[in-house]
PDB file of all heavy atoms in Angstrom:
ATOM      1  N   VAL A   1     112.443  28.723  34.227  1.00  0.00           N
ATOM      2  CA  VAL A   1     113.370  29.149  35.284  1.00  0.00           C
ATOM      3  C   VAL A   1     114.651  29.691  34.650  1.00  0.00           C
ATOM      4  O   VAL A   1     115.136  30.780  34.998  1.00  0.00           O
ATOM      5  CB  VAL A   1     113.689  27.981  36.234  1.00  0.00           C
ATOM      6  CG1 VAL A   1     114.900  28.303  37.088  1.00  0.00           C
ATOM      7  CG2 VAL A   1     112.486  27.676  37.101  1.00  0.00           C
ATOM      8  N   LEU A   2     115.228  28.958  33.721  1.00  0.00           N
ATOM      9  CA  LEU A   2     116.468  29.397  33.084  1.00  0.00           C
ATOM     10  C   LEU A   2     116.269  30.700  32.298  1.00  0.00           C
ATOM     11  O   LEU A   2     117.148  31.575  32.285  1.00  0.00           O
ATOM     12  CB  LEU A   2     117.008  28.299  32.154  1.00  0.00           C
ATOM     13  CG  LEU A   2     117.425  27.004  32.860  1.00  0.00           C
ATOM     14  CD1 LEU A   2     117.811  25.946  31.827  1.00  0.00           C
ATOM     15  CD2 LEU A   2     118.555  27.229  33.844  1.00  0.00           C
ATOM     16  N   ARG A   3     115.112  30.849  31.689  1.00  0.00           N
ATOM     17  CA  ARG A   3     114.812  32.077  30.962  1.00  0.00           C
ATOM     18  C   ARG A   3     114.756  33.265  31.916  1.00  0.00           C
ATOM     19  O   ARG A   3     115.261  34.365  31.603  1.00  0.00           O
ATOM     20  CB  ARG A   3     113.486  31.928  30.207  1.00  0.00           C
ATOM     21  CG  ARG A   3     113.156  33.091  29.295  1.00  0.00           C
ATOM     22  CD  ARG A   3     112.016  32.726  28.342  1.00  0.00           C
ATOM     23  NE  ARG A   3     110.802  32.333  29.030  1.00  0.00           N
ATOM     24  CZ  ARG A   3     110.284  31.108  29.021  1.00  0.00           C
ATOM     25  NH1 ARG A   3     110.889  30.142  28.374  1.00  0.00           N
ATOM     26  NH2 ARG A   3     109.179  30.827  29.662  1.00  0.00           N
ATOM     27  N   GLU A   4     114.165  33.072  33.094  1.00  0.00           N
ATOM     28  CA  GLU A   4     114.104  34.155  34.068  1.00  0.00           C
ATOM     29  C   GLU A   4     115.484  34.480  34.630  1.00  0.00           C
ATOM     30  O   GLU A   4     115.847  35.649  34.805  1.00  0.00           O
ATOM     31  CB  GLU A   4     113.149  33.781  35.219  1.00  0.00           C
ATOM     32  CG  GLU A   4     113.034  34.890  36.267  1.00  0.00           C
ATOM     33  CD  GLU A   4     111.982  34.606  37.327  1.00  0.00           C
ATOM     34  OE1 GLU A   4     111.149  33.715  37.105  1.00  0.00           O
ATOM     35  OE2 GLU A   4     112.047  35.255  38.380  1.00  0.00           O
ATOM     36  N   VAL A   5     116.291  33.475  34.883  1.00  0.00           N
ATOM     37  CA  VAL A   5     117.629  33.696  35.437  1.00  0.00           C
ATOM     38  C   VAL A   5     118.483  34.499  34.456  1.00  0.00           C
ATOM     39  O   VAL A   5     119.192  35.426  34.855  1.00  0.00           O
ATOM     40  CB  VAL A   5     118.305  32.352  35.774  1.00  0.00           C
ATOM     41  CG1 VAL A   5     119.776  32.561  36.133  1.00  0.00           C
ATOM     42  CG2 VAL A   5     117.573  31.669  36.927  1.00  0.00           C
ATOM     43  N   TRP A   6     118.399  34.150  33.160  1.00  0.00           N
ATOM     44  CA  TRP A   6     119.264  34.814  32.168  1.00  0.00           C
ATOM     45  C   TRP A   6     118.626  36.046  31.559  1.00  0.00           C
ATOM     46  O   TRP A   6     119.279  36.787  30.825  1.00  0.00           O
ATOM     47  CB  TRP A   6     119.662  33.825  31.086  1.00  0.00           C
ATOM     48  CG  TRP A   6     120.996  33.224  31.379  1.00  0.00           C
ATOM     49  CD1 TRP A   6     122.208  33.612  30.889  1.00  0.00           C
ATOM     50  CD2 TRP A   6     121.278  32.169  32.301  1.00  0.00           C
ATOM     51  NE1 TRP A   6     123.198  32.858  31.442  1.00  0.00           N
ATOM     52  CE2 TRP A   6     122.669  31.964  32.311  1.00  0.00           C
ATOM     53  CE3 TRP A   6     120.480  31.372  33.119  1.00  0.00           C
ATOM     54  CZ2 TRP A   6     123.280  31.006  33.094  1.00  0.00           C
ATOM     55  CZ3 TRP A   6     121.093  30.404  33.918  1.00  0.00           C
ATOM     56  CH2 TRP A   6     122.482  30.227  33.885  1.00  0.00           C
ATOM     57  N   GLY A   7     117.371  36.300  31.865  1.00  0.00           N
ATOM     58  CA  GLY A   7     116.766  37.562  31.440  1.00  0.00           C
ATOM     59  C   GLY A   7     116.569  37.727  29.964  1.00  0.00           C
ATOM     60  O   GLY A   7     116.645  38.825  29.430  1.00  0.00           O
ATOM     61  N   GLY A   8     116.323  36.637  29.240  1.00  0.00           N
ATOM     62  CA  GLY A   8     116.130  36.711  27.813  1.00  0.00           C
ATOM     63  C   GLY A   8     114.680  36.476  27.421  1.00  0.00           C
ATOM     64  O   GLY A   8     113.870  36.016  28.233  1.00  0.00           O
ATOM     65  N   ASP A   9     114.356  36.803  26.193  1.00  0.00           N
ATOM     66  CA  ASP A   9     113.017  36.553  25.681  1.00  0.00           C
ATOM     67  C   ASP A   9     112.869  35.131  25.147  1.00  0.00           C
ATOM     68  O   ASP A   9     111.763  34.656  24.956  1.00  0.00           O
ATOM     69  CB  ASP A   9     112.694  37.542  24.560  1.00  0.00           C
ATOM     70  CG  ASP A   9     112.682  38.978  25.042  1.00  0.00           C
ATOM     71  OD1 ASP A   9     112.321  39.195  26.209  1.00  0.00           O
ATOM     72  OD2 ASP A   9     113.040  39.876  24.249  1.00  0.00           O
ATOM     73  N   ARG A  10     114.008  34.491  24.911  1.00  0.00           N
ATOM     74  CA  ARG A  10     113.979  33.117  24.388  1.00  0.00           C
ATOM     75  C   ARG A  10     114.596  32.174  25.406  1.00  0.00           C
ATOM     76  O   ARG A  10     115.331  32.593  26.307  1.00  0.00           O
ATOM     77  CB  ARG A  10     114.739  33.038  23.067  1.00  0.00           C
ATOM     78  CG  ARG A  10     114.097  33.851  21.941  1.00  0.00           C
ATOM     79  CD  ARG A  10     114.928  33.819  20.685  1.00  0.00           C
ATOM     80  NE  ARG A  10     116.215  34.489  20.846  1.00  0.00           N
ATOM     81  CZ  ARG A  10     117.128  34.619  19.896  1.00  0.00           C
ATOM     82  NH1 ARG A  10     116.913  34.078  18.728  1.00  0.00           N
ATOM     83  NH2 ARG A  10     118.243  35.269  20.126  1.00  0.00           N
ATOM     84  N   ASP A  11     114.300  30.897  25.267  1.00  0.00           N
ATOM     85  CA  ASP A  11     114.845  29.898  26.181  1.00  0.00           C
ATOM     86  C   ASP A  11     116.358  29.800  26.017  1.00  0.00           C
ATOM     87  O   ASP A  11     116.855  29.767  24.877  1.00  0.00           O
ATOM     88  CB  ASP A  11     114.224  28.515  25.915  1.00  0.00           C
ATOM     89  CG  ASP A  11     112.751  28.482  26.256  1.00  0.00           C
ATOM     90  OD1 ASP A  11     112.333  29.187  27.188  1.00  0.00           O
ATOM     91  OD2 ASP A  11     112.005  27.741  25.571  1.00  0.00           O
ATOM     92  N   SER A  12     117.095  29.767  27.128  1.00  0.00           N
ATOM     93  CA  SER A  12     118.543  29.594  27.034  1.00  0.00           C
ATOM     94  C   SER A  12     118.898  28.218  26.480  1.00  0.00           C
ATOM     95  O   SER A  12     119.937  28.038  25.853  1.00  0.00           O
ATOM     96  CB  SER A  12     119.181  29.803  28.404  1.00  0.00           C
ATOM     97  OG  SER A  12     118.662  28.892  29.346  1.00  0.00           O
ATOM     98  N   VAL A  13     118.045  27.245  26.750  1.00  0.00           N
ATOM     99  CA  VAL A  13     118.124  25.936  26.106  1.00  0.00           C
ATOM    100  C   VAL A  13     116.745  25.672  25.545  1.00  0.00           C
ATOM    101  O   VAL A  13     115.761  25.610  26.296  1.00  0.00           O
ATOM    102  CB  VAL A  13     118.514  24.815  27.077  1.00  0.00           C
ATOM    103  CG1 VAL A  13     118.636  23.480  26.326  1.00  0.00           C
ATOM    104  CG2 VAL A  13     119.834  25.141  27.786  1.00  0.00           C
ATOM    105  N   PRO A  14     116.586  25.515  24.222  1.00  0.00           N
ATOM    106  CA  PRO A  14     115.253  25.269  23.649  1.00  0.00           C
ATOM    107  C   PRO A  14     114.581  24.055  24.298  1.00  0.00           C
ATOM    108  O   PRO A  14     115.247  23.053  24.596  1.00  0.00           O
ATOM    109  CB  PRO A  14     115.555  25.025  22.166  1.00  0.00           C
ATOM    110  CG  PRO A  14     116.850  25.719  21.923  1.00  0.00           C
ATOM    111  CD  PRO A  14     117.624  25.575  23.189  1.00  0.00           C
ATOM    112  N   THR A  15     113.276  24.164  24.492  1.00  0.00           N
ATOM    113  CA  THR A  15     112.578  23.079  25.189  1.00  0.00           C
ATOM    114  C   THR A  15     112.647  21.758  24.432  1.00  0.00           C
ATOM    115  O   THR A  15     112.745  20.690  25.059  1.00  0.00           O
ATOM    116  CB  THR A  15     111.102  23.461  25.419  1.00  0.00           C
ATOM    117  OG1 THR A  15     110.537  23.888  24.185  1.00  0.00           O
ATOM    118  CG2 THR A  15     110.985  24.594  26.433  1.00  0.00           C
ATOM    119  N   ASN A  16     112.624  21.802  23.097  1.00  0.00           N
ATOM    120  CA  ASN A  16     112.728  20.553  22.352  1.00  0.00           C
ATOM    121  C   ASN A  16     114.085  19.893  22.545  1.00  0.00           C
ATOM    122  O   ASN A  16     114.208  18.663  22.596  1.00  0.00           O
ATOM    123  CB  ASN A  16     112.401  20.761  20.876  1.00  0.00           C
ATOM    124  CG  ASN A  16     113.317  21.733  20.176  1.00  0.00           C
ATOM    125  OD1 ASN A  16     114.006  22.523  20.817  1.00  0.00           O
ATOM    126  ND2 ASN A  16     113.329  21.681  18.847  1.00  0.00           N
ATOM    127  N   LEU A  17     115.150  20.730  22.664  1.00  0.00           N
ATOM    128  CA  LEU A  17     116.482  20.179  22.894  1.00  0.00           C
ATOM    129  C   LEU A  17     116.587  19.619  24.305  1.00  0.00           C
ATOM    130  O   LEU A  17     117.165  18.534  24.503  1.00  0.00           O
ATOM    131  CB  LEU A  17     117.540  21.257  22.672  1.00  0.00           C
ATOM    132  CG  LEU A  17     118.994  20.852  22.923  1.00  0.00           C
ATOM    133  CD1 LEU A  17     119.380  19.659  22.055  1.00  0.00           C
ATOM    134  CD2 LEU A  17     119.936  22.015  22.688  1.00  0.00           C
ATOM    135  N   MET A  18     116.030  20.326  25.282  1.00  0.00           N
ATOM    136  CA  MET A  18     116.034  19.804  26.658  1.00  0.00           C
ATOM    137  C   MET A  18     115.338  18.451  26.713  1.00  0.00           C
ATOM    138  O   MET A  18     115.793  17.517  27.359  1.00  0.00           O
ATOM    139  CB  MET A  18     115.362  20.791  27.607  1.00  0.00           C
ATOM    140  CG  MET A  18     116.199  22.004  27.953  1.00  0.00           C
ATOM    141  SD  MET A  18     115.369  23.131  29.101  1.00  0.00           S
ATOM    142  CE  MET A  18     115.261  22.146  30.599  1.00  0.00           C
ATOM    143  N   ARG A  19     114.198  18.379  26.031  1.00  0.00           N
ATOM    144  CA  ARG A  19     113.435  17.111  26.004  1.00  0.00           C
ATOM    145  C   ARG A  19     114.256  15.989  25.367  1.00  0.00           C
ATOM    146  O   ARG A  19     114.297  14.876  25.869  1.00  0.00           O
ATOM    147  CB  ARG A  19     112.140  17.352  25.246  1.00  0.00           C
ATOM    148  CG  ARG A  19     111.289  16.101  25.040  1.00  0.00           C
ATOM    149  CD  ARG A  19     110.690  15.608  26.318  1.00  0.00           C
ATOM    150  NE  ARG A  19     109.651  14.603  26.057  1.00  0.00           N
ATOM    151  CZ  ARG A  19     109.129  13.806  26.971  1.00  0.00           C
ATOM    152  NH1 ARG A  19     109.556  13.902  28.228  1.00  0.00           N
ATOM    153  NH2 ARG A  19     108.212  12.925  26.664  1.00  0.00           N
ATOM    154  N   ALA A  20     114.912  16.304  24.263  1.00  0.00           N
ATOM    155  CA  ALA A  20     115.727  15.298  23.567  1.00  0.00           C
ATOM    156  C   ALA A  20     116.902  14.846  24.437  1.00  0.00           C
ATOM    157  O   ALA A  20     117.200  13.642  24.508  1.00  0.00           O
ATOM    158  CB  ALA A  20     116.238  15.851  22.238  1.00  0.00           C
ATOM    159  N   LEU A  21     117.554  15.782  25.100  1.00  0.00           N
ATOM    160  CA  LEU A  21     118.675  15.431  25.965  1.00  0.00           C
ATOM    161  C   LEU A  21     118.209  14.566  27.132  1.00  0.00           C
ATOM    162  O   LEU A  21     118.867  13.574  27.492  1.00  0.00           O
ATOM    163  CB  LEU A  21     119.357  16.696  26.482  1.00  0.00           C
ATOM    164  CG  LEU A  21     120.147  17.512  25.464  1.00  0.00           C
ATOM    165  CD1 LEU A  21     120.577  18.849  26.053  1.00  0.00           C
ATOM    166  CD2 LEU A  21     121.375  16.739  24.998  1.00  0.00           C
ATOM    167  N   ALA A  22     117.078  14.929  27.735  1.00  0.00           N
ATOM    168  CA  ALA A  22     116.565  14.137  28.854  1.00  0.00           C
ATOM    169  C   ALA A  22     116.171  12.745  28.390  1.00  0.00           C
ATOM    170  O   ALA A  22     116.499  11.731  29.036  1.00  0.00           O
ATOM    171  CB  ALA A  22     115.356  14.854  29.480  1.00  0.00           C
ATOM    172  N   TYR A  23     115.491  12.648  27.259  1.00  0.00           N
ATOM    173  CA  TYR A  23     114.992  11.368  26.759  1.00  0.00           C
ATOM    174  C   TYR A  23     116.144  10.438  26.384  1.00  0.00           C
ATOM    175  O   TYR A  23     116.019   9.210  26.500  1.00  0.00           O
ATOM    176  CB  TYR A  23     114.085  11.600  25.554  1.00  0.00           C
ATOM    177  CG  TYR A  23     113.329  10.383  25.136  1.00  0.00           C
ATOM    178  CD1 TYR A  23     112.217   9.940  25.846  1.00  0.00           C
ATOM    179  CD2 TYR A  23     113.708   9.647  24.007  1.00  0.00           C
ATOM    180  CE1 TYR A  23     111.514   8.796  25.469  1.00  0.00           C
ATOM    181  CE2 TYR A  23     113.016   8.517  23.614  1.00  0.00           C
ATOM    182  CZ  TYR A  23     111.926   8.094  24.348  1.00  0.00           C
ATOM    183  OH  TYR A  23     111.235   6.972  23.961  1.00  0.00           O
ATOM    184  N   SER A  24     117.263  11.010  25.953  1.00  0.00           N
ATOM    185  CA  SER A  24     118.401  10.174  25.549  1.00  0.00           C
ATOM    186  C   SER A  24     119.372   9.903  26.687  1.00  0.00           C
ATOM    187  O   SER A  24     120.484   9.403  26.466  1.00  0.00           O
ATOM    188  CB  SER A  24     119.143  10.829  24.365  1.00  0.00           C
ATOM    189  OG  SER A  24     119.572  12.143  24.703  1.00  0.00           O
ATOM    190  N   GLY A  25     118.977  10.212  27.914  1.00  0.00           N
ATOM    191  CA  GLY A  25     119.730   9.776  29.081  1.00  0.00           C
ATOM    192  C   GLY A  25     120.742  10.758  29.628  1.00  0.00           C
ATOM    193  O   GLY A  25     121.588  10.394  30.456  1.00  0.00           O
ATOM    194  N   ASN A  26     120.685  12.021  29.190  1.00  0.00           N
ATOM    195  CA  ASN A  26     121.607  13.022  29.706  1.00  0.00           C
ATOM    196  C   ASN A  26     121.051  13.638  30.984  1.00  0.00           C
ATOM    197  O   ASN A  26     119.965  13.314  31.461  1.00  0.00           O
ATOM    198  CB  ASN A  26     121.829  14.099  28.647  1.00  0.00           C
ATOM    199  CG  ASN A  26     122.615  13.582  27.467  1.00  0.00           C
ATOM    200  OD1 ASN A  26     123.849  13.498  27.507  1.00  0.00           O
ATOM    201  ND2 ASN A  26     121.917  13.202  26.393  1.00  0.00           N
ATOM    202  N   TYR A  27     121.821  14.541  31.547  1.00  0.00           N
ATOM    203  CA  TYR A  27     121.498  15.154  32.849  1.00  0.00           C
ATOM    204  C   TYR A  27     120.606  16.377  32.643  1.00  0.00           C
ATOM    205  O   TYR A  27     121.088  17.434  32.199  1.00  0.00           O
ATOM    206  CB  TYR A  27     122.791  15.546  33.569  1.00  0.00           C
ATOM    207  CG  TYR A  27     122.619  16.087  34.962  1.00  0.00           C
ATOM    208  CD1 TYR A  27     122.476  15.216  36.043  1.00  0.00           C
ATOM    209  CD2 TYR A  27     122.621  17.466  35.200  1.00  0.00           C
ATOM    210  CE1 TYR A  27     122.339  15.721  37.340  1.00  0.00           C
ATOM    211  CE2 TYR A  27     122.498  17.961  36.495  1.00  0.00           C
ATOM    212  CZ  TYR A  27     122.348  17.083  37.556  1.00  0.00           C
ATOM    213  OH  TYR A  27     122.214  17.581  38.829  1.00  0.00           O
ATOM    214  N   VAL A  28     119.329  16.233  32.933  1.00  0.00           N
ATOM    215  CA  VAL A  28     118.376  17.354  32.835  1.00  0.00           C
ATOM    216  C   VAL A  28     117.510  17.278  34.091  1.00  0.00           C
ATOM    217  O   VAL A  28     116.597  16.452  34.205  1.00  0.00           O
ATOM    218  CB  VAL A  28     117.499  17.234  31.570  1.00  0.00           C
ATOM    219  CG1 VAL A  28     116.541  18.429  31.466  1.00  0.00           C
ATOM    220  CG2 VAL A  28     118.362  17.155  30.321  1.00  0.00           C
ATOM    221  N   VAL A  29     117.819  18.130  35.065  1.00  0.00           N
ATOM    222  CA  VAL A  29     117.162  18.024  36.361  1.00  0.00           C
ATOM    223  C   VAL A  29     116.570  19.373  36.787  1.00  0.00           C
ATOM    224  O   VAL A  29     116.972  20.432  36.320  1.00  0.00           O
ATOM    225  CB  VAL A  29     118.132  17.533  37.469  1.00  0.00           C
ATOM    226  CG1 VAL A  29     118.796  16.222  37.054  1.00  0.00           C
ATOM    227  CG2 VAL A  29     119.167  18.599  37.809  1.00  0.00           C
ATOM    228  N   GLY A  30     115.603  19.271  37.709  1.00  0.00           N
ATOM    229  CA  GLY A  30     115.026  20.454  38.309  1.00  0.00           C
ATOM    230  C   GLY A  30     115.304  20.487  39.792  1.00  0.00           C
ATOM    231  O   GLY A  30     115.370  19.429  40.445  1.00  0.00           O
ATOM    232  N   LEU A  31     115.482  21.680  40.311  1.00  0.00           N
ATOM    233  CA  LEU A  31     115.562  21.910  41.753  1.00  0.00           C
ATOM    234  C   LEU A  31     114.172  22.338  42.200  1.00  0.00           C
ATOM    235  O   LEU A  31     113.651  23.346  41.735  1.00  0.00           O
ATOM    236  CB  LEU A  31     116.582  23.003  42.053  1.00  0.00           C
ATOM    237  CG  LEU A  31     116.837  23.366  43.514  1.00  0.00           C
ATOM    238  CD1 LEU A  31     117.645  22.288  44.200  1.00  0.00           C
ATOM    239  CD2 LEU A  31     117.572  24.703  43.597  1.00  0.00           C
ATOM    240  N   TYR A  32     113.570  21.575  43.087  1.00  0.00           N
ATOM    241  CA  TYR A  32     112.188  21.793  43.460  1.00  0.00           C
ATOM    242  C   TYR A  32     112.084  22.314  44.898  1.00  0.00           C
ATOM    243  O   TYR A  32     112.775  21.820  45.795  1.00  0.00           O
ATOM    244  CB  TYR A  32     111.401  20.486  43.381  1.00  0.00           C
ATOM    245  CG  TYR A  32     111.051  20.042  41.971  1.00  0.00           C
ATOM    246  CD1 TYR A  32     111.983  19.374  41.178  1.00  0.00           C
ATOM    247  CD2 TYR A  32     109.774  20.272  41.453  1.00  0.00           C
ATOM    248  CE1 TYR A  32     111.652  18.954  39.890  1.00  0.00           C
ATOM    249  CE2 TYR A  32     109.451  19.851  40.169  1.00  0.00           C
ATOM    250  CZ  TYR A  32     110.382  19.203  39.397  1.00  0.00           C
ATOM    251  OH  TYR A  32     110.063  18.783  38.124  1.00  0.00           O
ATOM    252  N   ASP A  33     111.211  23.282  45.095  1.00  0.00           N
ATOM    253  CA  ASP A  33     110.747  23.684  46.413  1.00  0.00           C
ATOM    254  C   ASP A  33     109.298  23.211  46.492  1.00  0.00           C
ATOM    255  O   ASP A  33     108.401  23.868  45.979  1.00  0.00           O
ATOM    256  CB  ASP A  33     110.851  25.191  46.589  1.00  0.00           C
ATOM    257  CG  ASP A  33     110.430  25.641  48.002  1.00  0.00           C
ATOM    258  OD1 ASP A  33     110.009  24.783  48.792  1.00  0.00           O
ATOM    259  OD2 ASP A  33     110.536  26.845  48.282  1.00  0.00           O
TER     260      ASP A  33
END
């Protein structure tokens, strides 16, 4: 989703970093329909 919003070929936040942030208790959330 973030990659589509920002229009880049790479992740705006690398998936491994997102995973690490989420696992260590930081705010990593999705808006779901």
